[in-house]
Amino acid sequence: MKKTPPKRPRRAVARTAGGKKMGPEVLAHAGRQALEGVRERTEIGHREAGRTARGATIERVIDDAIRDPYLTPLTEDEKLLSLSQGVARPDDFTRTDTWRLMRITGEFIEGFDRLAGVTKAVTVFGSARVGPSDPWYGVAQEVSRLLAKEGFAIITGAGPGIMEAANRGAREGGGRSIGCNIELPFEQHANPYVDTLINFRYFLVRKMMFIKYSTAFLIFPGGFGTLDELFEALTLIQTGKIYQFPVVLFGRYYWAGLVRWLQARALREGKIAATDIDLMMMTDVPAQAVKVVLEAYAAQTRQARERAERERETETPRPLETADPPPAAPRKTRAASPARRRR
């Protein structure tokens, strides 16, 4: 009986999450389409608000210096003194990681300087694509107005959509309206309700401002950028970097699938703890979110005060405990000279 040869196992084909065969061309195409999608969503947000996205078709020159190393090795003194003689690009010295580090430091300094007086603030995230007719636009506007009346500043990414609604609510509530804009390959103008606008080149600096000056994050329905901020906040809480920091998800129906996945997959496989799910709160009611933020701010203030008192106690020098001084030794007297004795 003739044996049939075993079938060769089919080689698994790497595919994208959307089912396409993975490859450099597919990845490049997806990246281009993703960037175009960001541009489109930004324009839609402005149009929905009755504005045109000024300069939306203008390409911004991006700093790609990290990809351009020096072609000719020179000493550091030569680089400093040569200016532009014989150099293909006179601005080569600004296209190094060292120079970029100073730029990053400068952005940190500007952000800290501009926001130094902010002690109570809430950051609001969400889609740039929605307009005033979207129900979540009104909710974001209302919760920001209520928080502003309680003395909180409102921080956003300065764009249209949910960000615009939050800045608008802050202005209506008499609070400070802050926008942290980011450089993109196309022009992105801030919404008209921002009072304090700070422009950033680097996401890492912008993220620091969101976290450092916030008491809580309010997360509205959004895309990758919104998810990025959501999970970064959860990671910082999980690792003990920030405490008593509410992460409020607006839109129970929108976020329900994500939460169910976390419970069914990440939690069941032990990737997260059961208590990690409790780091998030889901609601559709602005008043509930305001109550949670107020309670968290009170807890943060109390813990900060207690920590400061403990630090003062450890830094205050204690008086030295000294024992009784030893008895003084008797003084030795010099014997009088014979001449003095005769006197």
Protein backbone atom coordinates (compact mmCIF):
# COMPACT_ATOMS: atom_id res chain seq x y z
CA MET A 1 0.00 0.00 0.00
CA LYS A 2 1.44 3.26 -1.10
CA LYS A 3 1.77 5.80 1.65
CA THR A 4 0.74 9.30 0.91
CA PRO A 5 3.38 11.84 1.87
CA PRO A 6 2.41 14.05 4.79
CA LYS A 7 1.14 17.44 3.87
CA ARG A 8 3.48 20.25 4.46
CA PRO A 9 2.16 22.62 7.09
CA ARG A 10 1.06 25.90 5.66
CA ARG A 11 3.33 28.71 6.61
CA ALA A 12 1.60 31.25 8.76
CA VAL A 13 1.32 34.62 7.08
CA ALA A 14 1.79 37.70 9.20
CA ARG A 15 -1.24 39.91 8.87
CA THR A 16 -2.34 43.26 10.17
CA ALA A 17 -5.13 43.58 12.70
CA GLY A 18 -7.36 44.48 9.75
CA GLY A 19 -6.55 41.18 7.99
CA LYS A 20 -4.11 42.42 5.33
CA LYS A 21 -0.84 40.65 4.62
CA MET A 22 1.85 42.52 6.53
CA GLY A 23 4.75 44.03 4.63
CA PRO A 24 6.73 47.25 4.28
CA GLU A 25 4.44 48.55 1.54
CA VAL A 26 1.30 47.86 3.58
CA LEU A 27 2.82 49.47 6.66
CA ALA A 28 3.93 52.54 4.71
CA HIS A 29 0.52 52.88 3.09
CA ALA A 30 -1.22 52.52 6.45
CA GLY A 31 1.04 55.20 7.93
CA ARG A 32 0.28 57.64 5.11
CA GLN A 33 -3.45 56.97 5.41
CA ALA A 34 -3.30 57.37 9.19
CA LEU A 35 -1.66 60.77 8.84
CA GLU A 36 -4.23 61.80 6.25
CA GLY A 37 -6.95 60.64 8.62
CA VAL A 38 -5.61 62.86 11.39
CA ARG A 39 -5.62 65.80 9.00
CA GLU A 40 -9.16 65.00 7.86
CA ARG A 41 -10.51 64.65 11.40
CA THR A 42 -8.96 67.95 12.42
CA GLU A 43 -10.55 69.71 9.44
CA ILE A 44 -13.92 68.10 10.16
CA GLY A 45 -13.83 69.34 13.75
CA HIS A 46 -13.25 72.92 12.62
CA ARG A 47 -15.92 72.71 9.92
CA GLU A 48 -18.48 71.27 12.33
CA ALA A 49 -17.89 74.31 14.52
CA GLY A 50 -18.56 76.62 11.57
CA ARG A 51 -14.93 77.49 10.90
CA THR A 52 -12.51 76.68 8.12
CA ALA A 53 -9.28 75.01 9.18
CA ARG A 54 -6.96 77.85 8.23
CA GLY A 55 -3.80 76.66 6.57
CA ALA A 56 -4.90 73.03 6.72
CA THR A 57 -3.41 72.34 3.31
CA ILE A 58 -0.03 73.92 4.09
CA GLU A 59 2.74 71.43 4.68
CA ARG A 60 4.81 72.15 7.77
CA VAL A 61 8.57 71.60 7.58
CA ILE A 62 9.36 68.91 10.12
CA ASP A 63 12.57 68.76 12.11
CA ASP A 64 14.11 65.51 10.86
CA ALA A 65 17.62 66.31 12.01
CA ILE A 66 18.05 63.06 13.93
CA ARG A 67 18.35 61.29 10.56
CA ASP A 68 21.15 63.55 9.28
CA PRO A 69 24.55 62.76 10.86
CA TYR A 70 27.67 64.74 10.09
CA LEU A 71 29.31 63.61 6.89
CA THR A 72 32.80 64.94 7.68
CA PRO A 73 34.41 64.20 11.06
CA LEU A 74 35.58 67.43 12.72
CA THR A 75 36.87 68.32 16.16
CA GLU A 76 34.47 70.11 18.45
CA ASP A 77 36.53 73.32 18.21
CA GLU A 78 36.37 73.18 14.42
CA LYS A 79 32.61 72.72 14.54
CA LEU A 80 32.31 75.72 16.84
CA LEU A 81 34.60 78.06 14.90
CA SER A 82 34.01 77.02 11.31
CA LEU A 83 30.64 78.77 11.00
CA SER A 84 29.36 77.92 7.52
CA GLN A 85 32.54 77.86 5.43
CA GLY A 86 32.49 74.81 3.23
CA VAL A 87 29.53 73.30 5.05
CA ALA A 88 26.69 71.99 2.91
CA ARG A 89 24.12 72.97 5.51
CA PRO A 90 24.96 75.98 7.71
CA ASP A 91 22.43 74.82 10.31
CA ASP A 92 24.01 71.39 10.81
CA PHE A 93 24.84 72.16 14.43
CA THR A 94 21.12 72.57 15.16
CA ARG A 95 20.43 69.10 13.79
CA THR A 96 22.18 67.08 16.47
CA ASP A 97 20.80 65.27 19.49
CA THR A 98 22.71 67.63 21.77
CA TRP A 99 20.97 70.65 20.27
CA ARG A 100 17.66 68.82 20.35
CA LEU A 101 18.14 68.10 24.05
CA MET A 102 18.47 71.84 24.66
CA ARG A 103 15.28 72.40 22.67
CA ILE A 104 13.48 69.85 24.82
CA THR A 105 14.83 71.50 27.95
CA GLY A 106 13.65 74.86 26.63
CA GLU A 107 10.15 73.50 26.09
CA PHE A 108 10.07 72.16 29.64
CA ILE A 109 11.17 75.57 30.95
CA GLU A 110 8.53 77.40 28.92
CA GLY A 111 5.79 75.00 30.01
CA PHE A 112 6.74 75.16 33.67
CA ASP A 113 7.01 78.94 33.48
CA ARG A 114 3.64 79.46 31.77
CA LEU A 115 1.77 77.03 34.04
CA ALA A 116 3.58 77.73 37.31
CA GLY A 117 0.50 79.31 38.85
CA VAL A 118 -1.83 76.39 38.04
CA THR A 119 -2.63 74.50 41.25
CA LYS A 120 -6.10 73.13 40.37
CA ALA A 121 -6.69 71.80 36.88
CA VAL A 122 -8.38 68.98 35.00
CA THR A 123 -7.32 67.75 31.57
CA VAL A 124 -9.98 66.75 29.04
CA PHE A 125 -9.29 64.40 26.12
CA GLY A 126 -11.47 63.30 23.23
CA SER A 127 -12.00 63.27 19.49
CA ALA A 128 -11.21 66.32 17.39
CA ARG A 129 -13.79 65.22 14.84
CA VAL A 130 -17.03 66.09 16.63
CA GLY A 131 -18.88 69.39 16.36
CA PRO A 132 -21.36 71.33 18.51
CA SER A 133 -24.20 69.11 17.27
CA ASP A 134 -22.62 66.00 18.80
CA PRO A 135 -24.09 65.06 22.22
CA TRP A 136 -20.64 64.58 23.77
CA TYR A 137 -19.65 68.11 22.76
CA GLY A 138 -22.38 69.45 25.04
CA VAL A 139 -21.43 67.10 27.88
CA ALA A 140 -17.76 68.12 27.69
CA GLN A 141 -18.75 71.77 27.65
CA GLU A 142 -21.03 71.35 30.67
CA VAL A 143 -18.63 69.38 32.86
CA SER A 144 -15.86 71.87 32.11
CA ARG A 145 -18.16 74.77 32.98
CA LEU A 146 -19.04 73.17 36.32
CA LEU A 147 -15.40 72.48 37.14
CA ALA A 148 -14.42 76.03 36.22
CA LYS A 149 -17.03 77.34 38.66
CA GLU A 150 -15.34 75.22 41.33
CA GLY A 151 -12.04 76.95 40.63
CA PHE A 152 -10.43 74.43 38.29
CA ALA A 153 -8.51 75.35 35.17
CA ILE A 154 -9.25 73.25 32.09
CA ILE A 155 -6.37 71.87 30.00
CA THR A 156 -6.79 70.39 26.52
CA GLY A 157 -4.78 69.68 23.40
CA ALA A 158 -6.08 73.01 21.99
CA GLY A 159 -7.72 71.41 18.97
CA PRO A 160 -11.34 71.30 17.77
CA GLY A 161 -14.04 68.84 18.82
CA ILE A 162 -14.11 67.72 22.44
CA MET A 163 -11.07 69.88 23.18
CA GLU A 164 -12.88 72.96 21.92
CA ALA A 165 -15.97 72.09 23.95
CA ALA A 166 -13.92 71.82 27.15
CA ASN A 167 -12.11 75.13 26.57
CA ARG A 168 -15.44 76.75 25.77
CA GLY A 169 -16.97 75.45 28.99
CA ALA A 170 -13.99 76.72 30.97
CA ARG A 171 -14.46 80.21 29.58
CA GLU A 172 -18.20 80.14 30.28
CA GLY A 173 -17.51 79.08 33.87
CA GLY A 174 -15.01 81.88 34.42
CA GLY A 175 -12.04 79.52 34.67
CA ARG A 176 -8.66 79.48 33.02
CA SER A 177 -8.73 77.82 29.59
CA ILE A 178 -5.37 76.26 28.67
CA GLY A 179 -4.37 74.65 25.36
CA CYS A 180 -1.22 72.57 24.78
CA ASN A 181 -0.84 72.42 21.01
CA ILE A 182 1.48 69.96 19.24
CA GLU A 183 3.44 70.37 16.02
CA LEU A 184 2.08 68.15 13.25
CA PRO A 185 3.08 67.76 9.58
CA PHE A 186 0.20 70.09 8.73
CA GLU A 187 -0.90 73.35 10.31
CA GLN A 188 -3.06 72.84 13.39
CA HIS A 189 -4.63 76.00 14.73
CA ALA A 190 -5.93 76.28 18.26
CA ASN A 191 -9.64 76.61 18.90
CA PRO A 192 -10.85 80.16 19.67
CA TYR A 193 -11.68 79.43 23.33
CA VAL A 194 -8.08 78.97 24.53
CA ASP A 195 -6.77 81.74 26.81
CA THR A 196 -3.30 80.33 27.50
CA LEU A 197 -1.75 78.62 24.46
CA ILE A 198 1.56 76.75 24.58
CA ASN A 199 3.01 75.18 21.43
CA PHE A 200 5.17 72.07 21.66
CA ARG A 201 7.40 70.20 19.23
CA TYR A 202 7.72 67.11 21.40
CA PHE A 203 4.95 64.86 22.65
CA LEU A 204 6.92 63.90 25.75
CA VAL A 205 7.00 67.51 27.01
CA ARG A 206 3.33 68.02 26.24
CA LYS A 207 2.44 64.81 28.09
CA MET A 208 4.35 66.02 31.13
CA MET A 209 2.29 69.22 31.25
CA PHE A 210 -0.96 67.25 31.05
CA ILE A 211 0.01 65.06 34.01
CA LYS A 212 1.96 67.51 36.18
CA TYR A 213 -0.74 70.17 36.40
CA SER A 214 -3.84 67.94 36.48
CA THR A 215 -5.94 66.68 39.33
CA ALA A 216 -7.86 64.28 37.08
CA PHE A 217 -8.30 63.15 33.49
CA LEU A 218 -11.69 63.24 31.79
CA ILE A 219 -11.67 60.85 28.83
CA PHE A 220 -14.34 61.30 26.16
CA PRO A 221 -14.86 59.07 23.11
CA GLY A 222 -11.80 59.38 20.90
CA GLY A 223 -9.11 57.56 18.95
CA PHE A 224 -5.49 56.54 19.40
CA GLY A 225 -4.41 59.81 21.00
CA THR A 226 -7.16 59.55 23.58
CA LEU A 227 -6.32 55.90 24.28
CA ASP A 228 -2.65 56.86 24.64
CA GLU A 229 -3.40 59.38 27.38
CA LEU A 230 -5.85 56.98 29.07
CA PHE A 231 -3.36 54.12 29.41
CA GLU A 232 -0.45 56.39 30.30
CA ALA A 233 -2.42 57.75 33.26
CA LEU A 234 -3.42 54.23 34.33
CA THR A 235 0.23 53.10 34.14
CA LEU A 236 1.42 56.02 36.27
CA ILE A 237 -1.23 55.24 38.88
CA GLN A 238 -0.48 51.52 38.78
CA THR A 239 3.23 52.14 39.34
CA GLY A 240 2.73 54.64 42.17
CA LYS A 241 3.93 57.73 40.30
CA ILE A 242 0.68 59.62 40.92
CA TYR A 243 -2.00 59.00 43.53
CA GLN A 244 -5.66 59.83 44.14
CA PHE A 245 -5.93 60.59 40.42
CA PRO A 246 -9.38 59.91 38.93
CA VAL A 247 -9.61 58.70 35.35
CA VAL A 248 -13.22 59.33 34.30
CA LEU A 249 -14.51 57.71 31.11
CA PHE A 250 -17.47 59.56 29.62
CA GLY A 251 -19.64 57.29 27.48
CA ARG A 252 -20.54 54.01 29.10
CA TYR A 253 -21.58 52.42 25.82
CA TYR A 254 -18.49 53.62 23.96
CA TRP A 255 -16.01 52.25 26.52
CA ALA A 256 -17.93 49.11 27.53
CA GLY A 257 -16.26 46.91 24.90
CA LEU A 258 -12.77 47.96 25.99
CA VAL A 259 -13.53 47.31 29.65
CA ARG A 260 -15.02 43.92 28.83
CA TRP A 261 -11.89 43.00 26.86
CA LEU A 262 -9.68 44.01 29.79
CA GLN A 263 -11.74 41.84 32.11
CA ALA A 264 -12.08 38.85 29.77
CA ARG A 265 -8.54 38.80 28.41
CA ALA A 266 -5.99 40.87 30.33
CA LEU A 267 -7.46 40.18 33.78
CA ARG A 268 -8.28 36.51 33.17
CA GLU A 269 -4.74 35.83 31.95
CA GLY A 270 -3.24 37.61 34.95
CA LYS A 271 -1.79 40.52 33.01
CA ILE A 272 -3.51 43.00 35.31
CA ALA A 273 -5.04 42.79 38.80
CA ALA A 274 -8.75 42.89 39.53
CA THR A 275 -8.29 46.19 41.36
CA ASP A 276 -6.72 47.76 38.24
CA ILE A 277 -10.16 47.88 36.65
CA ASP A 278 -11.31 50.06 39.55
CA LEU A 279 -8.80 52.74 38.57
CA MET A 280 -11.33 53.88 35.96
CA MET A 281 -14.78 55.34 36.49
CA MET A 282 -17.47 55.31 33.80
CA THR A 283 -20.28 57.84 33.73
CA ASP A 284 -22.49 59.88 31.44
CA VAL A 285 -23.39 62.51 34.05
CA PRO A 286 -21.26 65.67 34.46
CA ALA A 287 -22.28 66.17 38.10
CA GLN A 288 -20.94 62.73 39.05
CA ALA A 289 -17.57 63.50 37.49
CA VAL A 290 -17.37 66.86 39.27
CA LYS A 291 -18.09 65.20 42.62
CA VAL A 292 -15.33 62.63 42.06
CA VAL A 293 -12.84 65.34 41.05
CA LEU A 294 -13.63 67.46 44.12
CA GLU A 295 -13.21 64.49 46.46
CA ALA A 296 -9.94 63.50 44.80
CA TYR A 297 -8.59 67.05 45.01
CA ALA A 298 -9.38 67.16 48.74
CA ALA A 299 -7.60 63.83 49.22
CA GLN A 300 -4.60 64.96 47.18
CA THR A 301 -4.34 68.17 49.19
CA ARG A 302 -4.59 66.31 52.48
CA GLN A 303 -1.94 63.76 51.51
CA ALA A 304 0.38 66.47 50.22
CA ARG A 305 0.05 68.35 53.50
CA GLU A 306 0.74 65.23 55.55
CA ARG A 307 3.78 64.40 53.41
CA ALA A 308 5.14 67.93 53.81
CA GLU A 309 4.75 67.70 57.59
CA ARG A 310 6.60 64.37 57.69
CA GLU A 311 9.40 65.81 55.58
CA ARG A 312 9.72 68.82 57.88
CA GLU A 313 9.94 66.52 60.88
CA THR A 314 12.75 64.51 59.35
CA GLU A 315 14.63 67.62 58.20
CA THR A 316 14.37 69.55 61.52
CA PRO A 317 17.63 69.00 63.46
CA ARG A 318 17.12 67.61 66.94
CA PRO A 319 18.98 69.21 69.91
CA LEU A 320 22.10 67.29 70.87
CA GLU A 321 21.77 65.38 74.13
CA THR A 322 24.88 66.25 76.19
CA ALA A 323 25.93 64.59 79.42
CA ASP A 324 26.98 66.49 82.56
CA PRO A 325 30.37 68.11 81.96
CA PRO A 326 33.28 66.39 83.70
CA PRO A 327 34.58 68.13 86.83
CA ALA A 328 37.26 70.69 86.13
CA ALA A 329 40.81 69.66 86.98
CA PRO A 330 42.43 71.63 89.84
CA ARG A 331 44.66 74.44 88.66
CA LYS A 332 48.36 74.03 89.22
CA THR A 333 49.98 76.97 91.06
CA ARG A 334 53.57 77.89 90.41
CA ALA A 335 55.84 78.08 93.47
CA ALA A 336 57.05 81.59 94.34
CA SER A 337 60.67 82.42 93.49
CA PRO A 338 63.19 82.91 96.38
CA ALA A 339 63.46 86.62 95.59
CA ARG A 340 59.68 87.00 95.86
CA ARG A 341 59.66 85.01 99.12
CA ARG A 342 62.29 87.35 100.65
CA ARG A 343 60.06 90.30 99.89
